[in-house]
N, C-alpha and C. Protein backbone atom coordinates (compact mmCIF):
# COMPACT_ATOMS: atom_id res chain seq x y z
N UNK A 1 -1.59 -47.96 38.05
CA UNK A 1 -1.41 -48.38 36.67
C UNK A 1 -0.94 -49.83 36.69
N UNK A 2 -1.64 -50.74 36.01
CA UNK A 2 -1.22 -52.14 35.97
C UNK A 2 0.19 -52.29 35.40
N UNK A 3 0.91 -53.27 35.90
CA UNK A 3 2.31 -53.46 35.52
C UNK A 3 2.49 -53.64 34.01
N UNK A 4 1.62 -54.41 33.37
CA UNK A 4 1.75 -54.65 31.93
C UNK A 4 1.55 -53.36 31.13
N UNK A 5 0.59 -52.54 31.57
CA UNK A 5 0.36 -51.26 30.90
C UNK A 5 1.55 -50.35 31.10
N UNK A 6 2.09 -50.34 32.32
CA UNK A 6 3.26 -49.52 32.62
C UNK A 6 4.44 -49.93 31.75
N UNK A 7 4.70 -51.23 31.66
CA UNK A 7 5.82 -51.71 30.84
C UNK A 7 5.62 -51.34 29.37
N UNK A 8 4.39 -51.45 28.90
CA UNK A 8 4.11 -51.08 27.52
C UNK A 8 4.32 -49.59 27.31
N UNK A 9 3.86 -48.77 28.25
CA UNK A 9 4.04 -47.32 28.14
C UNK A 9 5.52 -46.94 28.19
N UNK A 10 6.30 -47.63 29.00
CA UNK A 10 7.73 -47.36 29.06
C UNK A 10 8.36 -47.66 27.70
N UNK A 11 8.02 -48.80 27.12
CA UNK A 11 8.58 -49.17 25.82
C UNK A 11 8.13 -48.18 24.74
N UNK A 12 6.87 -47.82 24.74
CA UNK A 12 6.37 -46.86 23.76
C UNK A 12 7.02 -45.49 23.92
N UNK A 13 7.11 -45.04 25.17
CA UNK A 13 7.73 -43.73 25.43
C UNK A 13 9.20 -43.73 25.02
N UNK A 14 9.89 -44.83 25.28
CA UNK A 14 11.31 -44.93 24.90
C UNK A 14 11.49 -44.84 23.38
N UNK A 15 10.47 -45.25 22.65
CA UNK A 15 10.55 -45.17 21.18
C UNK A 15 10.05 -43.82 20.66
N UNK A 16 9.69 -42.91 21.58
CA UNK A 16 9.31 -41.56 21.17
C UNK A 16 7.83 -41.24 21.25
N UNK A 17 7.02 -42.12 21.80
CA UNK A 17 5.57 -41.91 21.90
C UNK A 17 5.27 -40.93 23.05
N UNK A 18 4.92 -39.70 22.70
CA UNK A 18 4.67 -38.65 23.70
C UNK A 18 3.44 -38.95 24.54
N UNK A 19 2.42 -39.58 23.96
CA UNK A 19 1.22 -39.92 24.72
C UNK A 19 1.53 -40.94 25.82
N UNK A 20 2.36 -41.91 25.50
CA UNK A 20 2.76 -42.91 26.50
C UNK A 20 3.56 -42.25 27.61
N UNK A 21 4.43 -41.32 27.24
CA UNK A 21 5.21 -40.62 28.26
C UNK A 21 4.31 -39.77 29.14
N UNK A 22 3.29 -39.17 28.56
CA UNK A 22 2.36 -38.39 29.35
C UNK A 22 1.64 -39.27 30.38
N UNK A 23 1.30 -40.48 30.00
CA UNK A 23 0.68 -41.40 30.97
C UNK A 23 1.66 -41.75 32.09
N UNK A 24 2.92 -41.94 31.75
CA UNK A 24 3.94 -42.19 32.78
C UNK A 24 4.07 -40.98 33.70
N UNK A 25 4.05 -39.80 33.11
CA UNK A 25 4.12 -38.57 33.90
C UNK A 25 2.96 -38.51 34.89
N UNK A 26 1.76 -38.74 34.42
CA UNK A 26 0.59 -38.68 35.29
C UNK A 26 0.67 -39.72 36.41
N UNK A 27 1.20 -40.88 36.11
CA UNK A 27 1.28 -41.95 37.11
C UNK A 27 2.34 -41.67 38.17
N UNK A 28 3.37 -40.91 37.84
CA UNK A 28 4.52 -40.77 38.74
C UNK A 28 4.79 -39.34 39.21
N UNK A 29 4.13 -38.36 38.67
CA UNK A 29 4.50 -36.97 38.98
C UNK A 29 4.27 -36.59 40.45
N UNK A 30 3.22 -37.09 41.06
CA UNK A 30 2.96 -36.73 42.47
C UNK A 30 4.07 -37.24 43.38
N UNK A 31 4.51 -38.47 43.16
CA UNK A 31 5.58 -39.03 44.00
C UNK A 31 6.90 -38.29 43.78
N UNK A 32 7.20 -37.98 42.53
CA UNK A 32 8.43 -37.24 42.22
C UNK A 32 8.37 -35.86 42.87
N UNK A 33 7.25 -35.18 42.73
CA UNK A 33 7.10 -33.83 43.30
C UNK A 33 7.26 -33.88 44.82
N UNK A 34 6.69 -34.88 45.45
CA UNK A 34 6.79 -35.02 46.91
C UNK A 34 8.24 -35.20 47.34
N UNK A 35 8.97 -36.04 46.64
CA UNK A 35 10.38 -36.27 46.97
C UNK A 35 11.18 -34.98 46.77
N UNK A 36 10.96 -34.30 45.67
CA UNK A 36 11.69 -33.05 45.40
C UNK A 36 11.37 -32.01 46.46
N UNK A 37 10.10 -31.89 46.82
CA UNK A 37 9.69 -30.90 47.82
C UNK A 37 10.36 -31.19 49.17
N UNK A 38 10.54 -32.44 49.49
CA UNK A 38 11.18 -32.77 50.77
C UNK A 38 12.67 -32.51 50.75
N UNK A 39 13.29 -32.63 49.60
CA UNK A 39 14.74 -32.47 49.53
C UNK A 39 15.18 -31.03 49.26
N UNK A 40 14.29 -30.22 48.68
CA UNK A 40 14.63 -28.84 48.36
C UNK A 40 13.59 -27.92 48.96
N UNK A 41 13.81 -26.63 48.82
CA UNK A 41 12.81 -25.67 49.24
C UNK A 41 11.56 -25.86 48.38
N UNK A 42 10.41 -25.67 48.99
CA UNK A 42 9.14 -25.88 48.31
C UNK A 42 8.97 -25.06 47.06
N UNK A 43 9.55 -23.86 47.03
CA UNK A 43 9.36 -23.00 45.86
C UNK A 43 10.12 -23.49 44.63
N UNK A 44 11.03 -24.43 44.81
CA UNK A 44 11.77 -24.99 43.68
C UNK A 44 11.15 -26.29 43.17
N UNK A 45 10.21 -26.84 43.90
CA UNK A 45 9.71 -28.18 43.61
C UNK A 45 9.09 -28.31 42.23
N UNK A 46 8.29 -27.35 41.81
CA UNK A 46 7.65 -27.44 40.50
C UNK A 46 8.69 -27.45 39.37
N UNK A 47 9.65 -26.53 39.44
CA UNK A 47 10.67 -26.46 38.39
C UNK A 47 11.53 -27.71 38.35
N UNK A 48 11.94 -28.18 39.51
CA UNK A 48 12.82 -29.36 39.55
C UNK A 48 12.05 -30.60 39.11
N UNK A 49 10.78 -30.70 39.48
CA UNK A 49 9.97 -31.84 39.02
C UNK A 49 9.91 -31.84 37.49
N UNK A 50 9.72 -30.67 36.92
CA UNK A 50 9.70 -30.56 35.47
C UNK A 50 11.06 -30.98 34.89
N UNK A 51 12.14 -30.54 35.53
CA UNK A 51 13.48 -30.94 35.09
C UNK A 51 13.66 -32.45 35.13
N UNK A 52 13.12 -33.08 36.17
CA UNK A 52 13.23 -34.54 36.30
C UNK A 52 12.57 -35.22 35.10
N UNK A 53 11.39 -34.77 34.74
CA UNK A 53 10.69 -35.43 33.65
C UNK A 53 11.29 -35.10 32.28
N UNK A 54 11.88 -33.93 32.15
CA UNK A 54 12.62 -33.63 30.92
C UNK A 54 13.81 -34.58 30.80
N UNK A 55 14.50 -34.72 31.92
CA UNK A 55 15.66 -35.63 31.95
C UNK A 55 15.21 -37.08 31.71
N UNK A 56 14.08 -37.47 32.28
CA UNK A 56 13.56 -38.82 32.07
C UNK A 56 13.27 -39.06 30.60
N UNK A 57 12.65 -38.08 29.95
CA UNK A 57 12.34 -38.20 28.52
C UNK A 57 13.64 -38.37 27.72
N UNK A 58 14.67 -37.60 28.09
CA UNK A 58 15.96 -37.68 27.39
C UNK A 58 16.67 -39.00 27.63
N UNK A 59 16.53 -39.54 28.85
CA UNK A 59 17.27 -40.72 29.26
C UNK A 59 16.48 -42.02 29.16
N UNK A 60 15.24 -41.95 28.75
CA UNK A 60 14.38 -43.14 28.77
C UNK A 60 14.97 -44.28 27.93
N UNK A 61 15.69 -43.95 26.90
CA UNK A 61 16.33 -44.98 26.08
C UNK A 61 17.38 -45.78 26.82
N UNK A 62 17.88 -45.24 27.94
CA UNK A 62 18.88 -45.97 28.73
C UNK A 62 18.26 -46.89 29.77
N UNK A 63 16.93 -46.78 29.94
CA UNK A 63 16.24 -47.65 30.91
C UNK A 63 16.21 -49.06 30.35
N UNK A 64 16.84 -50.00 31.06
CA UNK A 64 16.97 -51.37 30.58
C UNK A 64 15.97 -52.33 31.22
N UNK A 65 15.17 -51.84 32.14
CA UNK A 65 14.18 -52.71 32.76
C UNK A 65 14.73 -53.65 33.82
N UNK A 66 15.97 -53.40 34.27
CA UNK A 66 16.55 -54.25 35.31
C UNK A 66 15.89 -54.00 36.67
N UNK A 67 15.28 -52.84 36.80
CA UNK A 67 14.52 -52.50 38.00
C UNK A 67 13.18 -51.97 37.53
N UNK A 68 12.29 -51.72 38.47
CA UNK A 68 11.01 -51.14 38.11
C UNK A 68 11.22 -49.73 37.59
N UNK A 69 10.37 -49.28 36.70
CA UNK A 69 10.47 -47.93 36.17
C UNK A 69 10.42 -46.90 37.30
N UNK A 70 9.54 -47.11 38.29
CA UNK A 70 9.43 -46.19 39.41
C UNK A 70 10.73 -46.08 40.19
N UNK A 71 11.44 -47.19 40.33
CA UNK A 71 12.74 -47.19 41.02
C UNK A 71 13.76 -46.39 40.22
N UNK A 72 13.78 -46.62 38.92
CA UNK A 72 14.68 -45.89 38.04
C UNK A 72 14.39 -44.39 38.09
N UNK A 73 13.11 -44.04 38.04
CA UNK A 73 12.71 -42.63 38.08
C UNK A 73 13.04 -41.99 39.43
N UNK A 74 12.89 -42.76 40.50
CA UNK A 74 13.24 -42.26 41.84
C UNK A 74 14.72 -41.92 41.91
N UNK A 75 15.55 -42.81 41.43
CA UNK A 75 16.99 -42.58 41.45
C UNK A 75 17.36 -41.37 40.57
N UNK A 76 16.72 -41.26 39.43
CA UNK A 76 16.93 -40.12 38.55
C UNK A 76 16.54 -38.82 39.27
N UNK A 77 15.44 -38.86 39.99
CA UNK A 77 14.98 -37.69 40.74
C UNK A 77 16.03 -37.26 41.76
N UNK A 78 16.55 -38.21 42.53
CA UNK A 78 17.58 -37.90 43.52
C UNK A 78 18.80 -37.29 42.83
N UNK A 79 19.19 -37.86 41.70
CA UNK A 79 20.35 -37.32 40.97
C UNK A 79 20.11 -35.90 40.48
N UNK A 80 18.91 -35.64 39.96
CA UNK A 80 18.60 -34.29 39.48
C UNK A 80 18.60 -33.29 40.64
N UNK A 81 18.04 -33.69 41.77
CA UNK A 81 18.01 -32.81 42.94
C UNK A 81 19.44 -32.50 43.40
N UNK A 82 20.27 -33.52 43.49
CA UNK A 82 21.64 -33.30 43.93
C UNK A 82 22.41 -32.44 42.94
N UNK A 83 22.20 -32.65 41.66
CA UNK A 83 22.87 -31.83 40.65
C UNK A 83 22.38 -30.38 40.74
N UNK A 84 21.11 -30.20 41.00
CA UNK A 84 20.54 -28.85 41.12
C UNK A 84 21.19 -28.12 42.30
N UNK A 85 21.34 -28.82 43.41
CA UNK A 85 21.94 -28.20 44.59
C UNK A 85 23.38 -27.78 44.28
N UNK A 86 24.10 -28.61 43.59
CA UNK A 86 25.48 -28.27 43.26
C UNK A 86 25.54 -27.12 42.28
N UNK A 87 24.63 -27.11 41.32
CA UNK A 87 24.69 -26.08 40.28
C UNK A 87 24.39 -24.68 40.82
N UNK A 88 23.66 -24.58 41.90
CA UNK A 88 23.38 -23.26 42.47
C UNK A 88 24.34 -22.91 43.59
N UNK A 89 25.36 -23.73 43.80
CA UNK A 89 26.41 -23.39 44.74
C UNK A 89 26.08 -23.57 46.20
N UNK A 90 25.07 -24.33 46.53
CA UNK A 90 24.72 -24.48 47.93
C UNK A 90 25.53 -25.56 48.63
N UNK A 91 26.38 -26.27 47.90
CA UNK A 91 27.16 -27.31 48.54
C UNK A 91 28.12 -26.74 49.60
N UNK A 92 28.47 -25.47 49.48
CA UNK A 92 29.38 -24.86 50.46
C UNK A 92 28.80 -24.88 51.87
N UNK A 93 27.50 -24.69 52.00
CA UNK A 93 26.88 -24.65 53.31
C UNK A 93 26.00 -25.83 53.58
N UNK A 94 26.25 -26.93 52.89
CA UNK A 94 25.34 -28.07 52.94
C UNK A 94 25.37 -28.79 54.28
N UNK A 95 26.51 -28.87 54.92
CA UNK A 95 26.61 -29.62 56.16
C UNK A 95 27.04 -28.71 57.29
N UNK A 96 26.52 -28.98 58.45
CA UNK A 96 26.84 -28.17 59.61
C UNK A 96 27.71 -28.97 60.56
N UNK A 97 28.50 -28.27 61.35
CA UNK A 97 29.37 -28.96 62.29
C UNK A 97 29.03 -28.64 63.73
N UNK A 98 28.13 -27.69 63.95
CA UNK A 98 27.73 -27.40 65.33
C UNK A 98 26.21 -27.44 65.44
N UNK A 99 25.71 -27.30 66.65
CA UNK A 99 24.27 -27.41 66.87
C UNK A 99 23.53 -26.09 66.78
N UNK A 100 24.23 -24.98 66.65
CA UNK A 100 23.56 -23.69 66.70
C UNK A 100 22.45 -23.53 65.66
N UNK A 101 22.65 -23.81 64.37
CA UNK A 101 21.54 -23.66 63.42
C UNK A 101 20.37 -24.59 63.75
N UNK A 102 20.66 -25.77 64.26
CA UNK A 102 19.59 -26.71 64.60
C UNK A 102 18.79 -26.20 65.80
N UNK A 103 19.47 -25.56 66.74
CA UNK A 103 18.76 -25.03 67.90
C UNK A 103 17.81 -23.91 67.48
N UNK A 104 18.24 -23.09 66.52
CA UNK A 104 17.34 -22.05 66.01
C UNK A 104 16.15 -22.66 65.29
N UNK A 105 16.37 -23.77 64.59
CA UNK A 105 15.29 -24.41 63.84
C UNK A 105 14.27 -25.03 64.77
N UNK A 106 14.66 -25.30 65.99
CA UNK A 106 13.75 -25.98 66.89
C UNK A 106 13.06 -25.04 67.87
N UNK A 107 13.17 -23.76 67.64
CA UNK A 107 12.57 -22.79 68.56
C UNK A 107 11.05 -22.89 68.63
N UNK A 108 10.51 -22.45 69.75
CA UNK A 108 9.06 -22.47 69.96
C UNK A 108 8.41 -21.40 69.08
N UNK A 109 7.26 -21.73 68.55
CA UNK A 109 6.51 -20.80 67.72
C UNK A 109 5.95 -19.69 68.60
N UNK A 110 5.80 -18.51 68.02
CA UNK A 110 5.28 -17.37 68.76
C UNK A 110 3.82 -17.56 69.15
N UNK A 111 3.02 -18.11 68.25
CA UNK A 111 1.60 -18.29 68.53
C UNK A 111 1.32 -19.76 68.75
N UNK A 112 0.87 -20.08 69.95
CA UNK A 112 0.64 -21.47 70.32
C UNK A 112 -0.45 -22.12 69.49
N UNK A 113 -1.46 -21.33 69.07
CA UNK A 113 -2.57 -21.91 68.35
C UNK A 113 -2.20 -22.43 66.96
N UNK A 114 -1.08 -21.98 66.42
CA UNK A 114 -0.65 -22.48 65.13
C UNK A 114 0.11 -23.79 65.32
N UNK A 115 -0.34 -24.81 64.68
CA UNK A 115 0.35 -26.10 64.83
C UNK A 115 1.41 -26.25 63.74
N UNK A 116 2.47 -26.89 64.11
CA UNK A 116 3.56 -27.12 63.17
C UNK A 116 3.40 -28.52 62.59
N UNK A 117 3.27 -28.63 61.31
CA UNK A 117 3.19 -29.97 60.74
C UNK A 117 4.59 -30.44 60.35
N UNK A 118 4.65 -31.69 60.01
CA UNK A 118 5.93 -32.32 59.72
C UNK A 118 6.65 -31.66 58.55
N UNK A 119 5.92 -31.35 57.50
CA UNK A 119 6.56 -30.73 56.32
C UNK A 119 7.19 -29.40 56.67
N UNK A 120 6.54 -28.60 57.48
CA UNK A 120 7.12 -27.32 57.89
C UNK A 120 8.36 -27.54 58.74
N UNK A 121 8.28 -28.49 59.66
CA UNK A 121 9.43 -28.79 60.51
C UNK A 121 10.60 -29.27 59.65
N UNK A 122 10.31 -30.12 58.70
CA UNK A 122 11.35 -30.63 57.81
C UNK A 122 11.98 -29.50 57.00
N UNK A 123 11.17 -28.57 56.54
CA UNK A 123 11.67 -27.44 55.76
C UNK A 123 12.58 -26.53 56.57
N UNK A 124 12.46 -26.54 57.88
CA UNK A 124 13.28 -25.68 58.73
C UNK A 124 14.65 -26.27 59.03
N UNK A 125 14.85 -27.52 58.70
CA UNK A 125 16.16 -28.13 58.93
C UNK A 125 17.19 -27.53 57.97
N UNK A 126 18.44 -27.45 58.41
CA UNK A 126 19.50 -27.07 57.47
C UNK A 126 19.53 -28.06 56.30
N UNK A 127 19.96 -27.61 55.14
CA UNK A 127 19.88 -28.41 53.93
C UNK A 127 20.50 -29.80 54.06
N UNK A 128 21.70 -29.89 54.62
CA UNK A 128 22.37 -31.18 54.72
C UNK A 128 21.62 -32.15 55.61
N UNK A 129 21.15 -31.67 56.74
CA UNK A 129 20.40 -32.52 57.66
C UNK A 129 19.09 -32.97 57.02
N UNK A 130 18.44 -32.07 56.31
CA UNK A 130 17.17 -32.41 55.65
C UNK A 130 17.40 -33.46 54.57
N UNK A 131 18.43 -33.28 53.75
CA UNK A 131 18.69 -34.25 52.68
C UNK A 131 18.96 -35.64 53.25
N UNK A 132 19.81 -35.71 54.24
CA UNK A 132 20.14 -37.01 54.82
C UNK A 132 18.89 -37.63 55.44
N UNK A 133 18.10 -36.85 56.17
CA UNK A 133 16.89 -37.36 56.78
C UNK A 133 15.94 -37.94 55.73
N UNK A 134 15.71 -37.18 54.67
CA UNK A 134 14.80 -37.65 53.61
C UNK A 134 15.35 -38.90 52.94
N UNK A 135 16.61 -38.88 52.58
CA UNK A 135 17.19 -40.03 51.90
C UNK A 135 17.19 -41.29 52.77
N UNK A 136 17.49 -41.11 54.06
CA UNK A 136 17.57 -42.27 54.95
C UNK A 136 16.22 -42.69 55.50
N UNK A 137 15.55 -41.80 56.21
CA UNK A 137 14.33 -42.18 56.93
C UNK A 137 13.09 -42.21 56.05
N UNK A 138 13.05 -41.42 55.01
CA UNK A 138 11.86 -41.40 54.16
C UNK A 138 12.04 -42.34 52.97
N UNK A 139 13.19 -42.26 52.31
CA UNK A 139 13.39 -43.02 51.08
C UNK A 139 14.12 -44.35 51.29
N UNK A 140 14.72 -44.56 52.44
CA UNK A 140 15.29 -45.87 52.77
C UNK A 140 16.69 -46.15 52.30
N UNK A 141 17.45 -45.13 51.92
CA UNK A 141 18.83 -45.36 51.52
C UNK A 141 19.68 -45.64 52.76
N UNK A 142 20.76 -46.40 52.57
CA UNK A 142 21.71 -46.68 53.65
C UNK A 142 22.74 -45.54 53.70
N UNK A 143 23.41 -45.41 54.84
CA UNK A 143 24.37 -44.32 55.01
C UNK A 143 25.49 -44.37 53.96
N UNK A 144 25.93 -45.56 53.59
CA UNK A 144 26.98 -45.68 52.60
C UNK A 144 26.52 -45.13 51.25
N UNK A 145 25.27 -45.41 50.89
CA UNK A 145 24.72 -44.90 49.64
C UNK A 145 24.58 -43.38 49.68
N UNK A 146 24.09 -42.88 50.80
CA UNK A 146 23.91 -41.44 50.97
C UNK A 146 25.26 -40.74 50.89
N UNK A 147 26.26 -41.32 51.54
CA UNK A 147 27.60 -40.72 51.52
C UNK A 147 28.12 -40.62 50.09
N UNK A 148 27.92 -41.66 49.29
CA UNK A 148 28.36 -41.61 47.89
C UNK A 148 27.60 -40.55 47.11
N UNK A 149 26.29 -40.47 47.33
CA UNK A 149 25.47 -39.49 46.59
C UNK A 149 25.86 -38.07 46.93
N UNK A 150 26.14 -37.82 48.21
CA UNK A 150 26.40 -36.46 48.66
C UNK A 150 27.88 -36.10 48.69
N UNK A 151 28.74 -37.08 48.46
CA UNK A 151 30.17 -36.81 48.45
C UNK A 151 30.74 -36.58 49.84
N UNK A 152 30.24 -37.32 50.83
CA UNK A 152 30.73 -37.21 52.20
C UNK A 152 31.08 -38.61 52.71
N UNK A 153 31.57 -38.68 53.93
CA UNK A 153 31.84 -39.98 54.54
C UNK A 153 30.58 -40.46 55.26
N UNK A 154 30.42 -41.77 55.44
CA UNK A 154 29.22 -42.28 56.12
C UNK A 154 29.01 -41.68 57.51
N UNK A 155 30.09 -41.38 58.21
CA UNK A 155 29.96 -40.78 59.54
C UNK A 155 29.27 -39.43 59.50
N UNK A 156 29.51 -38.66 58.46
CA UNK A 156 28.83 -37.37 58.30
C UNK A 156 27.35 -37.59 58.09
N UNK A 157 27.02 -38.59 57.29
CA UNK A 157 25.61 -38.92 57.05
C UNK A 157 24.93 -39.31 58.36
N UNK A 158 25.59 -40.13 59.14
CA UNK A 158 25.02 -40.56 60.42
C UNK A 158 24.85 -39.39 61.38
N UNK A 159 25.83 -38.52 61.42
CA UNK A 159 25.76 -37.34 62.29
C UNK A 159 24.62 -36.42 61.86
N UNK A 160 24.52 -36.17 60.56
CA UNK A 160 23.45 -35.30 60.06
C UNK A 160 22.08 -35.89 60.37
N UNK A 161 21.94 -37.21 60.24
CA UNK A 161 20.67 -37.86 60.54
C UNK A 161 20.33 -37.70 62.01
N UNK A 162 21.30 -37.89 62.87
CA UNK A 162 21.07 -37.73 64.30
C UNK A 162 20.62 -36.30 64.62
N UNK A 163 21.34 -35.31 64.07
CA UNK A 163 20.98 -33.91 64.30
C UNK A 163 19.57 -33.61 63.78
N UNK A 164 19.26 -34.14 62.61
CA UNK A 164 17.93 -33.90 62.02
C UNK A 164 16.84 -34.50 62.90
N UNK A 165 17.04 -35.72 63.34
CA UNK A 165 16.01 -36.37 64.18
C UNK A 165 15.81 -35.62 65.49
N UNK A 166 16.91 -35.20 66.12
CA UNK A 166 16.80 -34.48 67.38
C UNK A 166 16.08 -33.14 67.18
N UNK A 167 16.43 -32.43 66.12
CA UNK A 167 15.79 -31.14 65.85
C UNK A 167 14.31 -31.32 65.55
N UNK A 168 13.97 -32.32 64.76
CA UNK A 168 12.56 -32.57 64.45
C UNK A 168 11.79 -32.95 65.71
N UNK A 169 12.39 -33.77 66.52
CA UNK A 169 11.73 -34.20 67.76
C UNK A 169 11.46 -33.00 68.67
N UNK A 170 12.50 -32.17 68.87
CA UNK A 170 12.32 -30.99 69.73
C UNK A 170 11.29 -30.03 69.15
N UNK A 171 11.34 -29.86 67.85
CA UNK A 171 10.44 -28.91 67.23
C UNK A 171 8.99 -29.39 67.26
N UNK A 172 8.78 -30.64 66.97
CA UNK A 172 7.42 -31.17 66.89
C UNK A 172 6.81 -31.43 68.28
N UNK A 173 7.66 -31.61 69.30
CA UNK A 173 7.16 -31.85 70.65
C UNK A 173 6.66 -30.56 71.30
N UNK A 174 6.98 -29.43 70.76
CA UNK A 174 6.61 -28.16 71.40
C UNK A 174 5.24 -27.72 71.05
């Protein structure tokens, strides 16, 4: 979508134009869905993506254009995902302190002929390790930013990233 058209659609949608918002949805829904799917279980991705766009429609009036709309929507997506995780009570088991769950995630598959793709390997990571991996290695956030988003110290973010990388490497190398 050309930048001028996007800016016009953002302005129109912010004033209540549902058709303009639908064009924004079409332009950004695949990227939002992909991010949500990587941060949460795949079966929640459709619902959470819908929640993101409902929230975007509600909050579009607060978009000031200081960043690109896609950047604003990306940040909103991360916030919705994190709020969703907290609302269902999974924050209690979000971070691990030992390697045992990661070792189980990296086990060899029973049937050699089935190949493990990256998305499946990522889905097998414990929630905290997966979130940090996606936020850092996929989305490019720094550890300090991740720590603020997740309510942990930067050292926890670094540790989770290390565990996630090692588990993914072991799992994908098999």
